[in-house]
Amino acid sequence: MSESPQNAPVKPVIAAAAAKRANASVIGMLLAMLATVAIVLTIVWLNPHQKAEVYRQPVDVAAISANAAQTAGFTPAAPKLPAGWYANYARWNGAGADGVAFWDVGFVTSANTFIALRQTTSANPTWLASQAGDAPVTGTRNIAGRTWELRDKPKGDRSLILVSGKVTIILTGQAEFKEFDALATAAATSLDSAPAPTATKGAP
């Protein structure tokens, strides 16, 4: 049964002029969006992203070491880094409850791993165990003619410890052995070239 003319749905009729204006508005909006995208892409193209190295704050380990020497009573190690390495901090830490004041430098390797170097003339077993994350002694490692004690444990940092006269150096991190070896060699070279330790300012 067909619908009567009275019951038939009413179909809206848009005048040609109105339809033309609506189409013009849509086209104008699309053109504006395309123009905006083109401007943004041009700005990005003219200003490429800078590499992370550009924003890295340089750390002058040698200069900070020279300043720290006046307090430390020895010249803290300032290793010459292999290509691609950089230091992300260097500082002298005064003695805490453990009574150990120490030189502390963080190194990021060329493989983007991290090794901390800590150096002191007042190391004790408790401090060493804490710095090594309570890892057990697992052997020794001969690097550049020096014997370093190795402390290691699964799923944790490894540490290399060198005792040279009154000075103790500990390297700690999760880097590969070849990176530890590189830093250990540089640290030992820095140690050899540094003036002999003297009494810490204020010490008896």
N, C-alpha and C. Protein backbone atom coordinates (compact mmCIF):
# COMPACT_ATOMS: atom_id res chain seq x y z
N MET A 1 0.86 -1.19 0.00
CA MET A 1 0.00 0.00 0.00
C MET A 1 0.90 1.24 0.00
N SER A 2 0.71 2.08 -0.98
CA SER A 2 1.55 3.26 -1.11
C SER A 2 1.08 4.34 -0.16
N GLU A 3 2.07 5.17 0.25
CA GLU A 3 1.73 6.24 1.16
C GLU A 3 0.98 7.35 0.44
N SER A 4 0.08 7.93 1.16
CA SER A 4 -0.66 9.05 0.58
C SER A 4 0.24 10.27 0.54
N PRO A 5 -0.05 11.19 -0.31
CA PRO A 5 0.80 12.39 -0.39
C PRO A 5 0.90 13.09 0.93
N GLN A 6 -0.20 12.99 1.78
CA GLN A 6 -0.15 13.68 3.06
C GLN A 6 0.84 13.03 4.02
N ASN A 7 1.02 11.68 3.91
CA ASN A 7 1.91 10.95 4.83
C ASN A 7 3.34 10.80 4.33
N ALA A 8 3.60 11.21 3.12
CA ALA A 8 4.95 11.04 2.55
C ALA A 8 5.95 11.91 3.31
N PRO A 9 7.21 11.40 3.60
CA PRO A 9 8.22 12.20 4.31
C PRO A 9 8.59 13.45 3.53
N VAL A 10 8.81 14.49 4.26
CA VAL A 10 9.16 15.76 3.62
C VAL A 10 10.66 15.80 3.41
N LYS A 11 11.11 16.01 2.22
CA LYS A 11 12.53 16.12 1.89
C LYS A 11 12.91 17.59 1.86
N PRO A 12 13.89 17.96 2.73
CA PRO A 12 14.29 19.36 2.74
C PRO A 12 14.91 19.78 1.42
N VAL A 13 14.62 20.92 1.00
CA VAL A 13 15.16 21.45 -0.25
C VAL A 13 16.05 22.63 0.07
N ILE A 14 17.34 22.54 -0.36
CA ILE A 14 18.28 23.62 -0.13
C ILE A 14 18.42 24.41 -1.41
N ALA A 15 18.26 25.64 -1.27
CA ALA A 15 18.37 26.50 -2.45
C ALA A 15 19.78 26.41 -3.01
N ALA A 16 19.90 26.57 -4.28
CA ALA A 16 21.20 26.46 -4.96
C ALA A 16 22.21 27.44 -4.38
N ALA A 17 21.75 28.64 -4.09
CA ALA A 17 22.66 29.66 -3.55
C ALA A 17 23.19 29.25 -2.19
N ALA A 18 22.29 28.68 -1.35
CA ALA A 18 22.71 28.25 -0.02
C ALA A 18 23.69 27.09 -0.11
N ALA A 19 23.41 26.14 -1.00
CA ALA A 19 24.32 25.00 -1.18
C ALA A 19 25.68 25.47 -1.64
N LYS A 20 25.68 26.46 -2.53
CA LYS A 20 26.95 26.99 -3.03
C LYS A 20 27.75 27.63 -1.90
N ARG A 21 27.01 28.39 -1.03
CA ARG A 21 27.69 29.03 0.10
C ARG A 21 28.24 27.98 1.07
N ALA A 22 27.49 26.90 1.31
CA ALA A 22 27.95 25.84 2.21
C ALA A 22 29.20 25.16 1.66
N ASN A 23 29.18 24.86 0.36
CA ASN A 23 30.36 24.23 -0.27
C ASN A 23 31.56 25.16 -0.20
N ALA A 24 31.31 26.44 -0.40
CA ALA A 24 32.41 27.40 -0.36
C ALA A 24 33.02 27.46 1.03
N SER A 25 32.18 27.36 2.07
CA SER A 25 32.69 27.39 3.44
C SER A 25 33.56 26.18 3.72
N VAL A 26 33.12 25.00 3.29
CA VAL A 26 33.89 23.77 3.50
C VAL A 26 35.21 23.84 2.76
N ILE A 27 35.18 24.29 1.52
CA ILE A 27 36.41 24.39 0.73
C ILE A 27 37.36 25.39 1.36
N GLY A 28 36.81 26.51 1.83
CA GLY A 28 37.65 27.51 2.47
C GLY A 28 38.31 26.97 3.73
N MET A 29 37.56 26.19 4.52
CA MET A 29 38.12 25.60 5.74
C MET A 29 39.25 24.63 5.41
N LEU A 30 39.03 23.81 4.37
CA LEU A 30 40.06 22.86 3.96
C LEU A 30 41.32 23.57 3.49
N LEU A 31 41.12 24.64 2.71
CA LEU A 31 42.28 25.40 2.22
C LEU A 31 43.05 26.04 3.37
N ALA A 32 42.32 26.53 4.39
CA ALA A 32 42.98 27.13 5.55
C ALA A 32 43.78 26.09 6.32
N MET A 33 43.21 24.89 6.46
CA MET A 33 43.92 23.82 7.16
C MET A 33 45.18 23.43 6.42
N LEU A 34 45.07 23.30 5.09
CA LEU A 34 46.24 22.94 4.29
C LEU A 34 47.32 24.01 4.38
N ALA A 35 46.91 25.28 4.39
CA ALA A 35 47.87 26.37 4.50
C ALA A 35 48.59 26.32 5.85
N THR A 36 47.83 26.02 6.92
CA THR A 36 48.43 25.93 8.26
C THR A 36 49.44 24.79 8.33
N VAL A 37 49.06 23.61 7.78
CA VAL A 37 49.97 22.46 7.77
C VAL A 37 51.24 22.79 6.99
N ALA A 38 51.06 23.49 5.86
CA ALA A 38 52.22 23.85 5.04
C ALA A 38 53.17 24.76 5.79
N ILE A 39 52.60 25.70 6.56
CA ILE A 39 53.44 26.63 7.33
C ILE A 39 54.20 25.87 8.42
N VAL A 40 53.50 24.97 9.12
CA VAL A 40 54.15 24.19 10.18
C VAL A 40 55.27 23.33 9.62
N LEU A 41 55.02 22.65 8.50
CA LEU A 41 56.05 21.80 7.90
C LEU A 41 57.24 22.61 7.45
N THR A 42 56.98 23.81 6.95
CA THR A 42 58.09 24.68 6.52
C THR A 42 58.96 25.07 7.70
N ILE A 43 58.31 25.41 8.83
CA ILE A 43 59.07 25.79 10.04
C ILE A 43 59.91 24.63 10.54
N VAL A 44 59.31 23.42 10.56
CA VAL A 44 60.04 22.23 11.01
C VAL A 44 61.21 21.95 10.09
N TRP A 45 60.99 22.10 8.79
CA TRP A 45 62.06 21.82 7.82
C TRP A 45 63.21 22.81 7.96
N LEU A 46 62.86 24.07 8.24
CA LEU A 46 63.90 25.09 8.37
C LEU A 46 64.61 25.03 9.73
N ASN A 47 63.98 24.37 10.72
CA ASN A 47 64.56 24.27 12.06
C ASN A 47 64.61 22.80 12.48
N PRO A 48 65.54 22.02 11.93
CA PRO A 48 65.61 20.60 12.28
C PRO A 48 65.91 20.40 13.75
N HIS A 49 65.47 19.27 14.29
CA HIS A 49 65.71 18.96 15.70
C HIS A 49 67.21 18.89 15.97
N GLN A 50 67.61 19.53 17.05
CA GLN A 50 69.01 19.48 17.44
C GLN A 50 69.29 18.15 18.13
N LYS A 51 70.50 17.67 17.98
CA LYS A 51 70.89 16.44 18.65
C LYS A 51 70.99 16.69 20.14
N ALA A 52 70.84 15.60 20.92
CA ALA A 52 70.85 15.73 22.38
C ALA A 52 72.17 16.33 22.86
N GLU A 53 73.27 16.06 22.14
CA GLU A 53 74.56 16.54 22.58
C GLU A 53 74.61 18.07 22.65
N VAL A 54 73.80 18.73 21.82
CA VAL A 54 73.83 20.18 21.80
C VAL A 54 73.37 20.74 23.14
N TYR A 55 72.43 20.05 23.78
CA TYR A 55 71.86 20.53 25.02
C TYR A 55 72.57 19.98 26.25
N ARG A 56 73.59 19.15 26.07
CA ARG A 56 74.29 18.57 27.20
C ARG A 56 75.15 19.63 27.88
N GLN A 57 74.97 19.75 29.16
CA GLN A 57 75.76 20.71 29.92
C GLN A 57 77.16 20.14 30.12
N PRO A 58 78.19 20.79 29.60
CA PRO A 58 79.54 20.25 29.74
C PRO A 58 79.99 20.26 31.19
N VAL A 59 80.71 19.22 31.59
CA VAL A 59 81.25 19.12 32.94
C VAL A 59 82.77 19.09 32.84
N ASP A 60 83.42 20.11 33.37
CA ASP A 60 84.88 20.21 33.33
C ASP A 60 85.43 19.49 34.56
N VAL A 61 85.66 18.19 34.40
CA VAL A 61 86.10 17.38 35.53
C VAL A 61 87.45 17.85 36.07
N ALA A 62 88.36 18.21 35.17
CA ALA A 62 89.69 18.64 35.60
C ALA A 62 89.62 19.90 36.45
N ALA A 63 88.78 20.85 36.06
CA ALA A 63 88.67 22.10 36.81
C ALA A 63 88.03 21.86 38.18
N ILE A 64 86.99 21.03 38.20
CA ILE A 64 86.33 20.73 39.48
C ILE A 64 87.28 19.95 40.39
N SER A 65 88.07 19.05 39.78
CA SER A 65 89.05 18.29 40.55
C SER A 65 90.08 19.22 41.20
N ALA A 66 90.55 20.21 40.44
CA ALA A 66 91.55 21.14 40.97
C ALA A 66 90.99 21.92 42.15
N ASN A 67 89.72 22.30 42.06
CA ASN A 67 89.09 23.02 43.18
C ASN A 67 88.91 22.10 44.39
N ALA A 68 88.51 20.85 44.13
CA ALA A 68 88.27 19.90 45.21
C ALA A 68 89.56 19.51 45.93
N ALA A 69 90.69 19.59 45.23
CA ALA A 69 91.97 19.18 45.82
C ALA A 69 92.30 19.96 47.08
N GLN A 70 91.87 21.22 47.13
CA GLN A 70 92.17 22.05 48.29
C GLN A 70 91.51 21.50 49.56
N THR A 71 90.35 20.87 49.38
CA THR A 71 89.63 20.29 50.52
C THR A 71 90.01 18.83 50.73
N ALA A 72 90.19 18.11 49.62
CA ALA A 72 90.42 16.67 49.69
C ALA A 72 91.77 16.30 50.29
N GLY A 73 92.79 17.15 50.05
CA GLY A 73 94.13 16.80 50.49
C GLY A 73 94.87 15.96 49.47
N PHE A 74 94.23 15.71 48.33
CA PHE A 74 94.86 15.02 47.20
C PHE A 74 94.18 15.54 45.95
N THR A 75 94.80 15.30 44.80
CA THR A 75 94.20 15.73 43.54
C THR A 75 93.30 14.62 43.03
N PRO A 76 91.98 14.80 43.04
CA PRO A 76 91.08 13.75 42.58
C PRO A 76 91.31 13.41 41.11
N ALA A 77 91.05 12.17 40.78
CA ALA A 77 91.26 11.68 39.42
C ALA A 77 90.39 12.43 38.43
N ALA A 78 90.99 12.80 37.31
CA ALA A 78 90.26 13.43 36.20
C ALA A 78 90.66 12.70 34.93
N PRO A 79 90.13 11.48 34.75
CA PRO A 79 90.54 10.64 33.62
C PRO A 79 90.27 11.29 32.27
N LYS A 80 91.19 11.09 31.34
CA LYS A 80 90.95 11.53 29.96
C LYS A 80 90.07 10.47 29.30
N LEU A 81 88.92 10.88 28.84
CA LEU A 81 87.90 9.94 28.39
C LEU A 81 88.12 9.44 26.98
N PRO A 82 87.73 8.19 26.73
CA PRO A 82 87.76 7.67 25.36
C PRO A 82 86.76 8.44 24.49
N ALA A 83 86.89 8.31 23.19
CA ALA A 83 85.98 8.98 22.26
C ALA A 83 84.55 8.53 22.52
N GLY A 84 83.64 9.48 22.55
CA GLY A 84 82.22 9.17 22.73
C GLY A 84 81.77 9.15 24.18
N TRP A 85 82.70 9.27 25.12
CA TRP A 85 82.35 9.29 26.54
C TRP A 85 82.17 10.74 26.99
N TYR A 86 81.43 10.92 28.08
CA TYR A 86 81.36 12.24 28.69
C TYR A 86 80.99 12.10 30.17
N ALA A 87 81.35 13.11 30.94
CA ALA A 87 81.01 13.14 32.37
C ALA A 87 79.71 13.92 32.53
N ASN A 88 78.78 13.40 33.33
CA ASN A 88 77.53 14.13 33.55
C ASN A 88 77.45 14.78 34.94
N TYR A 89 78.45 14.53 35.79
CA TYR A 89 78.56 15.28 37.04
C TYR A 89 79.93 15.02 37.64
N ALA A 90 80.38 15.91 38.48
CA ALA A 90 81.63 15.74 39.23
C ALA A 90 81.50 16.57 40.50
N ARG A 91 81.79 15.98 41.65
CA ARG A 91 81.60 16.71 42.91
C ARG A 91 82.43 16.07 44.02
N TRP A 92 82.70 16.89 45.04
CA TRP A 92 83.35 16.40 46.25
C TRP A 92 82.27 16.25 47.32
N ASN A 93 82.18 15.06 47.91
CA ASN A 93 81.20 14.79 48.95
C ASN A 93 81.88 14.80 50.32
N GLY A 94 81.42 15.67 51.20
CA GLY A 94 81.97 15.69 52.54
C GLY A 94 81.60 14.44 53.31
N ALA A 95 82.33 14.20 54.40
CA ALA A 95 82.10 12.99 55.20
C ALA A 95 80.71 12.98 55.81
N GLY A 96 80.05 11.83 55.72
CA GLY A 96 78.75 11.66 56.34
C GLY A 96 78.89 10.88 57.64
N ALA A 97 77.85 10.12 57.97
CA ALA A 97 77.87 9.34 59.21
C ALA A 97 78.95 8.27 59.18
N ASP A 98 79.32 7.83 57.96
CA ASP A 98 80.36 6.79 57.85
C ASP A 98 81.76 7.35 57.99
N GLY A 99 81.89 8.69 58.02
CA GLY A 99 83.19 9.31 58.19
C GLY A 99 84.04 9.34 56.95
N VAL A 100 83.46 9.04 55.78
CA VAL A 100 84.24 8.97 54.53
C VAL A 100 83.85 10.12 53.61
N ALA A 101 84.80 10.99 53.34
CA ALA A 101 84.63 12.03 52.33
C ALA A 101 85.22 11.49 51.03
N PHE A 102 84.57 11.78 49.90
CA PHE A 102 85.06 11.17 48.66
C PHE A 102 84.74 12.00 47.43
N TRP A 103 85.56 11.77 46.41
CA TRP A 103 85.40 12.37 45.08
C TRP A 103 84.45 11.49 44.28
N ASP A 104 83.52 12.10 43.57
CA ASP A 104 82.45 11.35 42.91
C ASP A 104 82.22 11.91 41.51
N VAL A 105 82.44 11.09 40.50
CA VAL A 105 82.24 11.51 39.10
C VAL A 105 81.41 10.46 38.38
N GLY A 106 80.45 10.92 37.57
CA GLY A 106 79.63 10.01 36.78
C GLY A 106 80.02 10.07 35.32
N PHE A 107 80.24 8.92 34.71
CA PHE A 107 80.63 8.86 33.30
C PHE A 107 79.60 8.09 32.49
N VAL A 108 79.22 8.65 31.35
CA VAL A 108 78.37 7.97 30.39
C VAL A 108 79.27 7.48 29.26
N THR A 109 79.23 6.19 28.99
CA THR A 109 80.13 5.60 28.00
C THR A 109 79.61 5.81 26.59
N SER A 110 80.43 5.45 25.62
CA SER A 110 80.02 5.57 24.21
C SER A 110 78.88 4.62 23.89
N ALA A 111 78.67 3.60 24.72
CA ALA A 111 77.56 2.67 24.54
C ALA A 111 76.32 3.11 25.33
N ASN A 112 76.39 4.32 25.89
CA ASN A 112 75.29 4.91 26.66
C ASN A 112 74.99 4.13 27.94
N THR A 113 76.03 3.55 28.52
CA THR A 113 75.92 2.95 29.84
C THR A 113 76.62 3.87 30.84
N PHE A 114 76.50 3.55 32.13
CA PHE A 114 76.98 4.48 33.16
C PHE A 114 77.96 3.79 34.11
N ILE A 115 79.01 4.51 34.47
CA ILE A 115 79.96 4.05 35.49
C ILE A 115 80.27 5.23 36.40
N ALA A 116 80.16 5.02 37.70
CA ALA A 116 80.53 6.04 38.68
C ALA A 116 81.94 5.76 39.18
N LEU A 117 82.73 6.81 39.29
CA LEU A 117 84.08 6.71 39.87
C LEU A 117 84.05 7.43 41.21
N ARG A 118 84.47 6.73 42.26
CA ARG A 118 84.55 7.34 43.58
C ARG A 118 85.95 7.10 44.14
N GLN A 119 86.51 8.13 44.74
CA GLN A 119 87.90 8.08 45.19
C GLN A 119 88.01 8.71 46.57
N THR A 120 88.77 8.08 47.46
CA THR A 120 88.92 8.60 48.81
C THR A 120 90.25 8.14 49.41
N THR A 121 90.64 8.81 50.48
CA THR A 121 91.81 8.36 51.25
C THR A 121 91.37 7.85 52.62
N SER A 122 90.07 7.70 52.82
CA SER A 122 89.58 7.25 54.13
C SER A 122 88.57 6.11 53.99
N ALA A 123 88.77 5.24 53.01
CA ALA A 123 87.85 4.12 52.80
C ALA A 123 87.87 3.17 53.99
N ASN A 124 86.72 2.57 54.26
CA ASN A 124 86.64 1.50 55.26
C ASN A 124 85.75 0.41 54.69
N PRO A 125 85.80 -0.80 55.25
CA PRO A 125 85.02 -1.92 54.69
C PRO A 125 83.53 -1.64 54.56
N THR A 126 82.97 -0.92 55.52
CA THR A 126 81.53 -0.63 55.46
C THR A 126 81.20 0.28 54.29
N TRP A 127 82.03 1.30 54.08
CA TRP A 127 81.81 2.23 52.97
C TRP A 127 81.96 1.52 51.63
N LEU A 128 83.00 0.70 51.51
CA LEU A 128 83.22 -0.04 50.26
C LEU A 128 82.05 -0.97 49.96
N ALA A 129 81.57 -1.68 50.96
CA ALA A 129 80.44 -2.59 50.76
C ALA A 129 79.21 -1.82 50.31
N SER A 130 78.99 -0.66 50.90
CA SER A 130 77.83 0.15 50.53
C SER A 130 77.95 0.65 49.10
N GLN A 131 79.14 1.15 48.73
CA GLN A 131 79.33 1.67 47.38
C GLN A 131 79.22 0.58 46.33
N ALA A 132 79.57 -0.65 46.70
CA ALA A 132 79.51 -1.77 45.76
C ALA A 132 78.17 -2.48 45.81
N GLY A 133 77.19 -1.91 46.50
CA GLY A 133 75.87 -2.53 46.57
C GLY A 133 75.87 -3.85 47.30
N ASP A 134 76.80 -4.00 48.25
CA ASP A 134 76.92 -5.24 49.03
C ASP A 134 77.18 -6.47 48.16
N ALA A 135 77.75 -6.24 47.00
CA ALA A 135 78.11 -7.38 46.12
C ALA A 135 79.32 -8.11 46.70
N PRO A 136 79.37 -9.42 46.55
CA PRO A 136 80.52 -10.18 47.09
C PRO A 136 81.74 -10.04 46.20
N VAL A 137 82.90 -10.29 46.79
CA VAL A 137 84.14 -10.32 46.01
C VAL A 137 84.12 -11.58 45.15
N THR A 138 84.29 -11.39 43.84
CA THR A 138 84.22 -12.55 42.93
C THR A 138 85.52 -12.81 42.20
N GLY A 139 86.55 -12.01 42.48
CA GLY A 139 87.83 -12.24 41.83
C GLY A 139 88.62 -10.96 41.71
N THR A 140 89.60 -10.98 40.81
CA THR A 140 90.42 -9.80 40.55
C THR A 140 90.51 -9.61 39.04
N ARG A 141 90.93 -8.43 38.65
CA ARG A 141 91.07 -8.13 37.23
C ARG A 141 92.33 -7.27 37.06
N ASN A 142 93.25 -7.74 36.23
CA ASN A 142 94.48 -7.00 35.98
C ASN A 142 94.27 -6.06 34.81
N ILE A 143 94.41 -4.77 35.08
CA ILE A 143 94.17 -3.76 34.05
C ILE A 143 95.32 -2.78 34.06
N ALA A 144 96.00 -2.66 32.94
CA ALA A 144 97.11 -1.72 32.79
C ALA A 144 98.15 -1.88 33.90
N GLY A 145 98.44 -3.12 34.25
CA GLY A 145 99.49 -3.39 35.23
C GLY A 145 99.06 -3.23 36.67
N ARG A 146 97.78 -3.01 36.92
CA ARG A 146 97.28 -2.88 38.29
C ARG A 146 96.22 -3.94 38.54
N THR A 147 96.17 -4.42 39.77
CA THR A 147 95.18 -5.44 40.13
C THR A 147 94.00 -4.79 40.83
N TRP A 148 92.84 -4.95 40.21
CA TRP A 148 91.59 -4.41 40.75
C TRP A 148 90.76 -5.56 41.33
N GLU A 149 90.20 -5.35 42.48
CA GLU A 149 89.29 -6.33 43.07
C GLU A 149 87.93 -6.22 42.38
N LEU A 150 87.36 -7.36 42.02
CA LEU A 150 86.06 -7.39 41.35
C LEU A 150 84.97 -7.83 42.32
N ARG A 151 83.91 -7.04 42.39
CA ARG A 151 82.73 -7.41 43.15
C ARG A 151 81.54 -7.39 42.19
N ASP A 152 80.79 -8.48 42.24
CA ASP A 152 79.73 -8.63 41.23
C ASP A 152 78.63 -9.51 41.79
N LYS A 153 77.41 -9.27 41.31
CA LYS A 153 76.30 -10.14 41.66
C LYS A 153 75.28 -10.08 40.53
N PRO A 154 74.49 -11.16 40.35
CA PRO A 154 73.51 -11.18 39.26
C PRO A 154 72.52 -10.03 39.38
N LYS A 155 72.16 -9.49 38.22
CA LYS A 155 71.14 -8.43 38.13
C LYS A 155 71.45 -7.22 39.00
N GLY A 156 72.73 -6.93 39.13
CA GLY A 156 73.12 -5.75 39.90
C GLY A 156 74.34 -5.10 39.29
N ASP A 157 74.78 -4.00 39.89
CA ASP A 157 75.99 -3.34 39.42
C ASP A 157 77.21 -4.19 39.72
N ARG A 158 78.23 -4.02 38.91
CA ARG A 158 79.53 -4.62 39.23
C ARG A 158 80.46 -3.50 39.64
N SER A 159 81.47 -3.85 40.40
CA SER A 159 82.41 -2.84 40.89
C SER A 159 83.84 -3.34 40.77
N LEU A 160 84.73 -2.43 40.46
CA LEU A 160 86.17 -2.68 40.47
C LEU A 160 86.77 -1.75 41.52
N ILE A 161 87.63 -2.30 42.37
CA ILE A 161 88.22 -1.52 43.47
C ILE A 161 89.74 -1.59 43.38
N LEU A 162 90.36 -0.42 43.41
CA LEU A 162 91.82 -0.33 43.39
C LEU A 162 92.29 0.41 44.64
N VAL A 163 93.26 -0.19 45.34
CA VAL A 163 93.90 0.46 46.48
C VAL A 163 95.34 0.75 46.09
N SER A 164 95.68 2.04 46.10
CA SER A 164 97.03 2.46 45.72
C SER A 164 97.55 3.41 46.78
N GLY A 165 98.41 2.89 47.68
CA GLY A 165 98.87 3.70 48.79
C GLY A 165 97.69 4.05 49.69
N LYS A 166 97.51 5.33 49.95
CA LYS A 166 96.40 5.78 50.79
C LYS A 166 95.10 5.97 50.00
N VAL A 167 95.19 5.89 48.69
CA VAL A 167 94.04 6.20 47.83
C VAL A 167 93.29 4.94 47.44
N THR A 168 91.98 5.01 47.53
CA THR A 168 91.11 3.92 47.05
C THR A 168 90.19 4.48 45.97
N ILE A 169 90.11 3.76 44.86
CA ILE A 169 89.20 4.12 43.78
C ILE A 169 88.24 2.97 43.57
N ILE A 170 86.96 3.28 43.45
CA ILE A 170 85.96 2.26 43.15
C ILE A 170 85.16 2.70 41.93
N LEU A 171 85.05 1.82 40.96
CA LEU A 171 84.24 2.05 39.77
C LEU A 171 83.00 1.17 39.87
N THR A 172 81.83 1.74 39.69
CA THR A 172 80.59 0.98 39.87
C THR A 172 79.60 1.32 38.76
N GLY A 173 78.97 0.28 38.20
CA GLY A 173 77.96 0.49 37.17
C GLY A 173 77.55 -0.82 36.53
N GLN A 174 76.78 -0.73 35.45
CA GLN A 174 76.31 -1.92 34.74
C GLN A 174 76.87 -2.00 33.33
N ALA A 175 77.99 -1.33 33.10
CA ALA A 175 78.62 -1.36 31.78
C ALA A 175 79.32 -2.69 31.54
N GLU A 176 79.75 -2.89 30.30
CA GLU A 176 80.51 -4.09 29.95
C GLU A 176 81.94 -3.98 30.50
N PHE A 177 82.59 -5.14 30.61
CA PHE A 177 83.95 -5.15 31.14
C PHE A 177 84.89 -4.28 30.30
N LYS A 178 84.73 -4.28 28.98
CA LYS A 178 85.64 -3.49 28.15
C LYS A 178 85.53 -2.01 28.47
N GLU A 179 84.35 -1.56 28.90
CA GLU A 179 84.19 -0.16 29.28
C GLU A 179 84.79 0.11 30.65
N PHE A 180 84.61 -0.85 31.57
CA PHE A 180 85.27 -0.74 32.87
C PHE A 180 86.78 -0.69 32.68
N ASP A 181 87.30 -1.54 31.81
CA ASP A 181 88.74 -1.57 31.57
C ASP A 181 89.24 -0.23 31.04
N ALA A 182 88.47 0.38 30.13
CA ALA A 182 88.87 1.67 29.56
C ALA A 182 88.93 2.75 30.63
N LEU A 183 87.91 2.79 31.49
CA LEU A 183 87.89 3.81 32.54
C LEU A 183 88.94 3.51 33.60
N ALA A 184 89.13 2.24 33.93
CA ALA A 184 90.15 1.87 34.92
C ALA A 184 91.54 2.28 34.45
N THR A 185 91.81 2.08 33.17
CA THR A 185 93.11 2.46 32.61
C THR A 185 93.30 3.97 32.69
N ALA A 186 92.25 4.72 32.30
CA ALA A 186 92.34 6.18 32.33
C ALA A 186 92.46 6.69 33.76
N ALA A 187 91.75 6.06 34.70
CA ALA A 187 91.80 6.48 36.10
C ALA A 187 93.19 6.22 36.69
N ALA A 188 93.77 5.06 36.35
CA ALA A 188 95.10 4.73 36.85
C ALA A 188 96.14 5.70 36.30
N THR A 189 96.00 6.06 35.03
CA THR A 189 96.92 7.03 34.42
C THR A 189 96.81 8.38 35.10
N SER A 190 95.57 8.79 35.40
CA SER A 190 95.35 10.05 36.11
C SER A 190 95.95 9.99 37.51
N LEU A 191 95.81 8.84 38.15
CA LEU A 191 96.36 8.65 39.50
C LEU A 191 97.87 8.75 39.48
N ASP A 192 98.51 8.16 38.47
CA ASP A 192 99.97 8.17 38.37
C ASP A 192 100.51 9.59 38.17
N SER A 193 99.73 10.42 37.45
CA SER A 193 100.22 11.75 37.12
C SER A 193 99.86 12.79 38.18
N ALA A 194 99.03 12.40 39.16
CA ALA A 194 98.59 13.36 40.19
C ALA A 194 99.67 13.52 41.26
N PRO A 195 99.73 14.69 41.89
CA PRO A 195 100.67 14.89 43.01
C PRO A 195 100.37 13.91 44.14
N ALA A 196 101.36 13.61 44.94
CA ALA A 196 101.18 12.69 46.06
C ALA A 196 100.16 13.25 47.04
N PRO A 197 99.35 12.39 47.65
CA PRO A 197 98.35 12.85 48.62
C PRO A 197 98.99 13.58 49.79
N THR A 198 98.30 14.62 50.25
CA THR A 198 98.78 15.33 51.43
C THR A 198 97.69 15.28 52.49
N ALA A 199 97.98 15.74 53.66
CA ALA A 199 96.99 15.70 54.74
C ALA A 199 95.80 16.58 54.38
N THR A 200 94.61 16.08 54.65
CA THR A 200 93.40 16.85 54.39
C THR A 200 93.38 18.08 55.28
N LYS A 201 92.89 19.20 54.71
CA LYS A 201 92.83 20.44 55.48
C LYS A 201 92.05 20.22 56.77
N GLY A 202 92.66 20.61 57.86
CA GLY A 202 91.97 20.47 59.13
C GLY A 202 92.26 19.15 59.83
N ALA A 203 92.99 18.22 59.14
CA ALA A 203 93.30 16.93 59.73
C ALA A 203 94.42 17.10 60.73
N PRO A 204 94.50 16.24 61.74
CA PRO A 204 95.57 16.37 62.75
C PRO A 204 96.92 16.00 62.15
